[in-house]
Protein backbone atom coordinates (compact mmCIF):
# COMPACT_ATOMS: atom_id res chain seq x y z
CA UNK A 1 0.00 0.00 0.00
CA UNK A 2 1.27 3.47 -0.87
CA UNK A 3 1.48 5.92 2.00
CA UNK A 4 -0.92 8.73 1.12
CA UNK A 5 0.26 11.22 3.71
CA UNK A 6 3.05 12.02 6.13
CA UNK A 7 3.45 14.97 8.48
CA UNK A 8 6.74 15.77 10.23
CA UNK A 9 6.48 18.77 12.55
CA UNK A 10 8.16 20.31 15.61
CA UNK A 11 6.26 20.14 18.89
CA UNK A 12 6.39 22.86 21.55
CA UNK A 13 7.15 20.61 24.52
CA UNK A 14 7.44 23.43 27.07
CA UNK A 15 3.90 22.80 28.33
CA UNK A 16 3.88 19.01 28.01
CA UNK A 17 4.30 17.16 31.28
CA UNK A 18 6.45 14.30 30.01
CA UNK A 19 7.34 11.54 32.48
CA UNK A 20 9.89 8.81 31.80
CA UNK A 21 9.53 5.19 32.85
CA UNK A 22 13.31 5.14 33.28
CA UNK A 23 13.78 2.60 30.47
CA UNK A 24 16.41 3.59 27.87
CA UNK A 25 17.67 1.21 25.18
CA UNK A 26 20.02 1.53 22.21
CA UNK A 27 18.56 1.51 18.70
CA UNK A 28 20.27 -1.25 16.75
CA UNK A 29 21.14 -0.88 13.06
CA UNK A 30 19.16 -3.09 10.67
CA UNK A 31 21.03 -5.93 9.00
CA UNK A 32 20.04 -8.12 6.07
CA UNK A 33 20.40 -11.82 6.78
CA UNK A 34 19.20 -15.18 5.51
CA UNK A 35 15.95 -14.79 7.49
CA UNK A 36 15.25 -11.27 6.22
CA UNK A 37 15.94 -7.84 7.63
CA UNK A 38 16.31 -7.69 11.42
CA UNK A 39 17.90 -5.47 14.08
CA UNK A 40 21.61 -6.30 14.25
CA UNK A 41 24.22 -6.29 16.98
CA UNK A 42 25.68 -2.82 16.37
CA UNK A 43 24.05 0.46 17.39
CA UNK A 44 22.64 2.80 14.76
CA UNK A 45 24.70 6.00 14.61
CA UNK A 46 23.68 9.58 13.86
CA UNK A 47 25.49 10.58 10.66
CA UNK A 48 25.95 14.20 11.78
CA UNK A 49 27.43 13.56 15.24
CA UNK A 50 28.47 9.90 15.25
CA UNK A 51 26.47 9.44 18.46
CA UNK A 52 24.47 6.25 18.90
CA UNK A 53 20.69 6.50 18.82
CA UNK A 54 18.81 5.70 22.02
CA UNK A 55 15.12 5.29 22.64
CA UNK A 56 13.55 6.29 25.95
CA UNK A 57 10.06 5.34 27.07
CA UNK A 58 8.10 8.46 27.96
CA UNK A 59 4.50 8.97 29.05
CA UNK A 60 2.91 11.90 27.23
CA UNK A 61 -0.55 13.34 28.05
CA UNK A 62 -1.91 12.83 24.53
CA UNK A 63 -4.71 10.35 25.21
CA UNK A 64 -8.38 11.02 25.76
CA UNK A 65 -8.87 13.64 28.50
CA UNK A 66 -5.07 14.12 28.58
CA UNK A 67 -4.56 10.58 29.84
CA UNK A 68 -0.86 9.62 29.59
CA UNK A 69 0.13 7.26 26.79
CA UNK A 70 3.48 5.51 26.45
CA UNK A 71 5.72 6.44 23.50
CA UNK A 72 9.32 5.72 22.64
CA UNK A 73 11.24 8.93 21.94
CA UNK A 74 14.34 8.50 19.79
CA UNK A 75 17.42 10.70 20.33
CA UNK A 76 21.16 10.58 19.60
CA UNK A 77 23.60 10.84 22.50
CA UNK A 78 27.02 9.55 23.49
CA UNK A 79 25.76 9.48 27.09
CA UNK A 80 22.74 7.53 28.27
CA UNK A 81 20.71 9.74 30.63
CA UNK A 82 20.35 8.27 34.12
CA UNK A 83 16.78 9.22 34.90
CA UNK A 84 14.86 7.72 37.82
CA UNK A 85 11.63 5.90 36.91
CA UNK A 86 8.54 8.11 36.77
CA UNK A 87 10.47 11.37 36.87
CA UNK A 88 9.60 14.43 34.74
CA UNK A 89 11.80 14.97 31.69
CA UNK A 90 12.41 17.77 29.23
CA UNK A 91 12.31 16.80 25.55
CA UNK A 92 14.53 19.31 23.75
CA UNK A 93 13.78 19.78 20.04
CA UNK A 94 10.81 17.38 20.10
CA UNK A 95 9.45 16.40 16.67
CA UNK A 96 6.43 14.29 15.80
CA UNK A 97 5.96 12.28 12.63
CA UNK A 98 2.47 11.07 11.71
CA UNK A 99 1.88 8.84 8.71
CA UNK A 100 -0.57 6.28 7.44
CA UNK A 101 -0.13 2.92 9.14
CA UNK A 102 1.85 0.29 7.28
CA UNK A 103 -0.99 -2.13 8.02
CA UNK A 104 -3.32 0.17 6.10
CA UNK A 105 -5.56 1.05 9.05
CA UNK A 106 -5.12 4.14 11.24
CA UNK A 107 -1.90 6.11 11.70
CA UNK A 108 1.61 5.59 13.09
CA UNK A 109 3.01 8.29 15.39
CA UNK A 110 6.74 8.51 16.18
CA UNK A 111 8.70 11.03 18.26
CA UNK A 112 12.31 12.20 18.05
CA UNK A 113 14.18 14.71 20.23
CA UNK A 114 17.51 16.49 20.05
CA UNK A 115 18.12 15.75 23.75
CA UNK A 116 16.42 14.32 26.83
CA UNK A 117 17.21 15.70 30.27
CA UNK A 118 15.63 16.00 33.73
CA UNK A 119 12.88 18.62 33.85
CA UNK A 120 13.18 21.60 36.10
CA UNK A 121 14.84 24.99 36.30
CA UNK A 122 18.07 25.39 34.40
CA UNK A 123 21.19 25.57 36.51
CA UNK A 124 22.60 28.56 34.64
CA UNK A 125 22.30 31.87 36.45
CA UNK A 126 20.40 34.53 34.56
CA UNK A 127 20.26 38.18 35.43
CA UNK A 128 16.75 39.50 35.56
CA UNK A 129 15.71 43.04 34.66
CA UNK A 130 14.92 43.73 38.33
CA UNK A 131 18.43 42.65 39.43
CA UNK A 132 20.05 44.74 36.71
CA UNK A 133 17.95 47.80 37.59
CA UNK A 134 18.62 47.50 41.36
CA UNK A 135 22.37 47.17 40.76
CA UNK A 136 22.35 50.29 38.58
CA UNK A 137 20.68 52.39 41.31
C-alpha atoms as a PDB file:
ATOM      1  CA  UNK A   1       0.000   0.000   0.000  1.00  0.00           C
ATOM      2  CA  UNK A   2       1.268   3.468  -0.872  1.00  0.00           C
ATOM      3  CA  UNK A   3       1.483   5.919   2.005  1.00  0.00           C
ATOM      4  CA  UNK A   4      -0.919   8.730   1.125  1.00  0.00           C
ATOM      5  CA  UNK A   5       0.258  11.217   3.712  1.00  0.00           C
ATOM      6  CA  UNK A   6       3.046  12.018   6.132  1.00  0.00           C
ATOM      7  CA  UNK A   7       3.447  14.972   8.485  1.00  0.00           C
ATOM      8  CA  UNK A   8       6.744  15.772  10.233  1.00  0.00           C
ATOM      9  CA  UNK A   9       6.479  18.768  12.554  1.00  0.00           C
ATOM     10  CA  UNK A  10       8.158  20.315  15.606  1.00  0.00           C
ATOM     11  CA  UNK A  11       6.257  20.141  18.890  1.00  0.00           C
ATOM     12  CA  UNK A  12       6.387  22.858  21.551  1.00  0.00           C
ATOM     13  CA  UNK A  13       7.147  20.614  24.516  1.00  0.00           C
ATOM     14  CA  UNK A  14       7.444  23.426  27.069  1.00  0.00           C
ATOM     15  CA  UNK A  15       3.902  22.800  28.326  1.00  0.00           C
ATOM     16  CA  UNK A  16       3.882  19.013  28.008  1.00  0.00           C
ATOM     17  CA  UNK A  17       4.299  17.162  31.285  1.00  0.00           C
ATOM     18  CA  UNK A  18       6.446  14.296  30.006  1.00  0.00           C
ATOM     19  CA  UNK A  19       7.342  11.545  32.478  1.00  0.00           C
ATOM     20  CA  UNK A  20       9.893   8.808  31.801  1.00  0.00           C
ATOM     21  CA  UNK A  21       9.527   5.190  32.847  1.00  0.00           C
ATOM     22  CA  UNK A  22      13.310   5.140  33.278  1.00  0.00           C
ATOM     23  CA  UNK A  23      13.782   2.597  30.470  1.00  0.00           C
ATOM     24  CA  UNK A  24      16.407   3.594  27.875  1.00  0.00           C
ATOM     25  CA  UNK A  25      17.672   1.211  25.184  1.00  0.00           C
ATOM     26  CA  UNK A  26      20.022   1.529  22.207  1.00  0.00           C
ATOM     27  CA  UNK A  27      18.561   1.509  18.702  1.00  0.00           C
ATOM     28  CA  UNK A  28      20.266  -1.250  16.754  1.00  0.00           C
ATOM     29  CA  UNK A  29      21.145  -0.877  13.058  1.00  0.00           C
ATOM     30  CA  UNK A  30      19.161  -3.086  10.672  1.00  0.00           C
ATOM     31  CA  UNK A  31      21.032  -5.931   9.003  1.00  0.00           C
ATOM     32  CA  UNK A  32      20.039  -8.117   6.066  1.00  0.00           C
ATOM     33  CA  UNK A  33      20.405 -11.819   6.781  1.00  0.00           C
ATOM     34  CA  UNK A  34      19.201 -15.182   5.510  1.00  0.00           C
ATOM     35  CA  UNK A  35      15.945 -14.793   7.493  1.00  0.00           C
ATOM     36  CA  UNK A  36      15.252 -11.269   6.222  1.00  0.00           C
ATOM     37  CA  UNK A  37      15.941  -7.839   7.628  1.00  0.00           C
ATOM     38  CA  UNK A  38      16.313  -7.690  11.422  1.00  0.00           C
ATOM     39  CA  UNK A  39      17.901  -5.469  14.081  1.00  0.00           C
ATOM     40  CA  UNK A  40      21.606  -6.300  14.248  1.00  0.00           C
ATOM     41  CA  UNK A  41      24.216  -6.289  16.983  1.00  0.00           C
ATOM     42  CA  UNK A  42      25.683  -2.817  16.367  1.00  0.00           C
ATOM     43  CA  UNK A  43      24.048   0.464  17.395  1.00  0.00           C
ATOM     44  CA  UNK A  44      22.641   2.802  14.759  1.00  0.00           C
ATOM     45  CA  UNK A  45      24.704   6.000  14.607  1.00  0.00           C
ATOM     46  CA  UNK A  46      23.678   9.577  13.862  1.00  0.00           C
ATOM     47  CA  UNK A  47      25.488  10.582  10.658  1.00  0.00           C
ATOM     48  CA  UNK A  48      25.950  14.204  11.777  1.00  0.00           C
ATOM     49  CA  UNK A  49      27.429  13.564  15.245  1.00  0.00           C
ATOM     50  CA  UNK A  50      28.473   9.902  15.252  1.00  0.00           C
ATOM     51  CA  UNK A  51      26.472   9.443  18.463  1.00  0.00           C
ATOM     52  CA  UNK A  52      24.467   6.249  18.904  1.00  0.00           C
ATOM     53  CA  UNK A  53      20.695   6.500  18.817  1.00  0.00           C
ATOM     54  CA  UNK A  54      18.814   5.701  22.022  1.00  0.00           C
ATOM     55  CA  UNK A  55      15.124   5.288  22.644  1.00  0.00           C
ATOM     56  CA  UNK A  56      13.552   6.285  25.949  1.00  0.00           C
ATOM     57  CA  UNK A  57      10.057   5.339  27.074  1.00  0.00           C
ATOM     58  CA  UNK A  58       8.096   8.459  27.958  1.00  0.00           C
ATOM     59  CA  UNK A  59       4.499   8.967  29.047  1.00  0.00           C
ATOM     60  CA  UNK A  60       2.907  11.904  27.228  1.00  0.00           C
ATOM     61  CA  UNK A  61      -0.549  13.340  28.048  1.00  0.00           C
ATOM     62  CA  UNK A  62      -1.912  12.829  24.530  1.00  0.00           C
ATOM     63  CA  UNK A  63      -4.710  10.350  25.206  1.00  0.00           C
ATOM     64  CA  UNK A  64      -8.377  11.023  25.757  1.00  0.00           C
ATOM     65  CA  UNK A  65      -8.875  13.635  28.498  1.00  0.00           C
ATOM     66  CA  UNK A  66      -5.068  14.122  28.582  1.00  0.00           C
ATOM     67  CA  UNK A  67      -4.559  10.576  29.838  1.00  0.00           C
ATOM     68  CA  UNK A  68      -0.856   9.618  29.590  1.00  0.00           C
ATOM     69  CA  UNK A  69       0.130   7.258  26.787  1.00  0.00           C
ATOM     70  CA  UNK A  70       3.478   5.513  26.454  1.00  0.00           C
ATOM     71  CA  UNK A  71       5.720   6.437  23.501  1.00  0.00           C
ATOM     72  CA  UNK A  72       9.317   5.718  22.641  1.00  0.00           C
ATOM     73  CA  UNK A  73      11.242   8.931  21.944  1.00  0.00           C
ATOM     74  CA  UNK A  74      14.343   8.497  19.793  1.00  0.00           C
ATOM     75  CA  UNK A  75      17.420  10.698  20.332  1.00  0.00           C
ATOM     76  CA  UNK A  76      21.161  10.584  19.599  1.00  0.00           C
ATOM     77  CA  UNK A  77      23.597  10.839  22.497  1.00  0.00           C
ATOM     78  CA  UNK A  78      27.017   9.547  23.493  1.00  0.00           C
ATOM     79  CA  UNK A  79      25.763   9.479  27.092  1.00  0.00           C
ATOM     80  CA  UNK A  80      22.740   7.531  28.271  1.00  0.00           C
ATOM     81  CA  UNK A  81      20.714   9.744  30.632  1.00  0.00           C
ATOM     82  CA  UNK A  82      20.351   8.267  34.121  1.00  0.00           C
ATOM     83  CA  UNK A  83      16.777   9.216  34.898  1.00  0.00           C
ATOM     84  CA  UNK A  84      14.858   7.718  37.820  1.00  0.00           C
ATOM     85  CA  UNK A  85      11.629   5.903  36.907  1.00  0.00           C
ATOM     86  CA  UNK A  86       8.535   8.115  36.770  1.00  0.00           C
ATOM     87  CA  UNK A  87      10.472  11.367  36.871  1.00  0.00           C
ATOM     88  CA  UNK A  88       9.601  14.427  34.741  1.00  0.00           C
ATOM     89  CA  UNK A  89      11.803  14.973  31.689  1.00  0.00           C
ATOM     90  CA  UNK A  90      12.412  17.773  29.228  1.00  0.00           C
ATOM     91  CA  UNK A  91      12.309  16.797  25.549  1.00  0.00           C
ATOM     92  CA  UNK A  92      14.530  19.309  23.746  1.00  0.00           C
ATOM     93  CA  UNK A  93      13.775  19.779  20.041  1.00  0.00           C
ATOM     94  CA  UNK A  94      10.812  17.385  20.096  1.00  0.00           C
ATOM     95  CA  UNK A  95       9.452  16.398  16.668  1.00  0.00           C
ATOM     96  CA  UNK A  96       6.432  14.292  15.804  1.00  0.00           C
ATOM     97  CA  UNK A  97       5.961  12.280  12.631  1.00  0.00           C
ATOM     98  CA  UNK A  98       2.473  11.074  11.709  1.00  0.00           C
ATOM     99  CA  UNK A  99       1.878   8.835   8.709  1.00  0.00           C
ATOM    100  CA  UNK A 100      -0.570   6.276   7.444  1.00  0.00           C
ATOM    101  CA  UNK A 101      -0.129   2.923   9.145  1.00  0.00           C
ATOM    102  CA  UNK A 102       1.849   0.286   7.280  1.00  0.00           C
ATOM    103  CA  UNK A 103      -0.987  -2.128   8.020  1.00  0.00           C
ATOM    104  CA  UNK A 104      -3.325   0.168   6.097  1.00  0.00           C
ATOM    105  CA  UNK A 105      -5.561   1.050   9.054  1.00  0.00           C
ATOM    106  CA  UNK A 106      -5.116   4.135  11.238  1.00  0.00           C
ATOM    107  CA  UNK A 107      -1.902   6.115  11.701  1.00  0.00           C
ATOM    108  CA  UNK A 108       1.612   5.594  13.087  1.00  0.00           C
ATOM    109  CA  UNK A 109       3.012   8.290  15.393  1.00  0.00           C
ATOM    110  CA  UNK A 110       6.739   8.511  16.180  1.00  0.00           C
ATOM    111  CA  UNK A 111       8.696  11.030  18.258  1.00  0.00           C
ATOM    112  CA  UNK A 112      12.311  12.204  18.054  1.00  0.00           C
ATOM    113  CA  UNK A 113      14.177  14.707  20.230  1.00  0.00           C
ATOM    114  CA  UNK A 114      17.512  16.489  20.051  1.00  0.00           C
ATOM    115  CA  UNK A 115      18.121  15.747  23.750  1.00  0.00           C
ATOM    116  CA  UNK A 116      16.415  14.319  26.827  1.00  0.00           C
ATOM    117  CA  UNK A 117      17.205  15.700  30.267  1.00  0.00           C
ATOM    118  CA  UNK A 118      15.634  15.999  33.728  1.00  0.00           C
ATOM    119  CA  UNK A 119      12.875  18.620  33.854  1.00  0.00           C
ATOM    120  CA  UNK A 120      13.175  21.603  36.098  1.00  0.00           C
ATOM    121  CA  UNK A 121      14.845  24.991  36.296  1.00  0.00           C
ATOM    122  CA  UNK A 122      18.074  25.392  34.398  1.00  0.00           C
ATOM    123  CA  UNK A 123      21.190  25.574  36.507  1.00  0.00           C
ATOM    124  CA  UNK A 124      22.597  28.560  34.635  1.00  0.00           C
ATOM    125  CA  UNK A 125      22.299  31.867  36.446  1.00  0.00           C
ATOM    126  CA  UNK A 126      20.401  34.534  34.561  1.00  0.00           C
ATOM    127  CA  UNK A 127      20.262  38.179  35.434  1.00  0.00           C
ATOM    128  CA  UNK A 128      16.749  39.505  35.558  1.00  0.00           C
ATOM    129  CA  UNK A 129      15.710  43.041  34.663  1.00  0.00           C
ATOM    130  CA  UNK A 130      14.920  43.733  38.331  1.00  0.00           C
ATOM    131  CA  UNK A 131      18.433  42.648  39.429  1.00  0.00           C
ATOM    132  CA  UNK A 132      20.055  44.739  36.706  1.00  0.00           C
ATOM    133  CA  UNK A 133      17.948  47.797  37.585  1.00  0.00           C
ATOM    134  CA  UNK A 134      18.620  47.497  41.357  1.00  0.00           C
ATOM    135  CA  UNK A 135      22.370  47.169  40.759  1.00  0.00           C
ATOM    136  CA  UNK A 136      22.347  50.295  38.584  1.00  0.00           C
ATOM    137  CA  UNK A 137      20.679  52.390  41.310  1.00  0.00           C
END
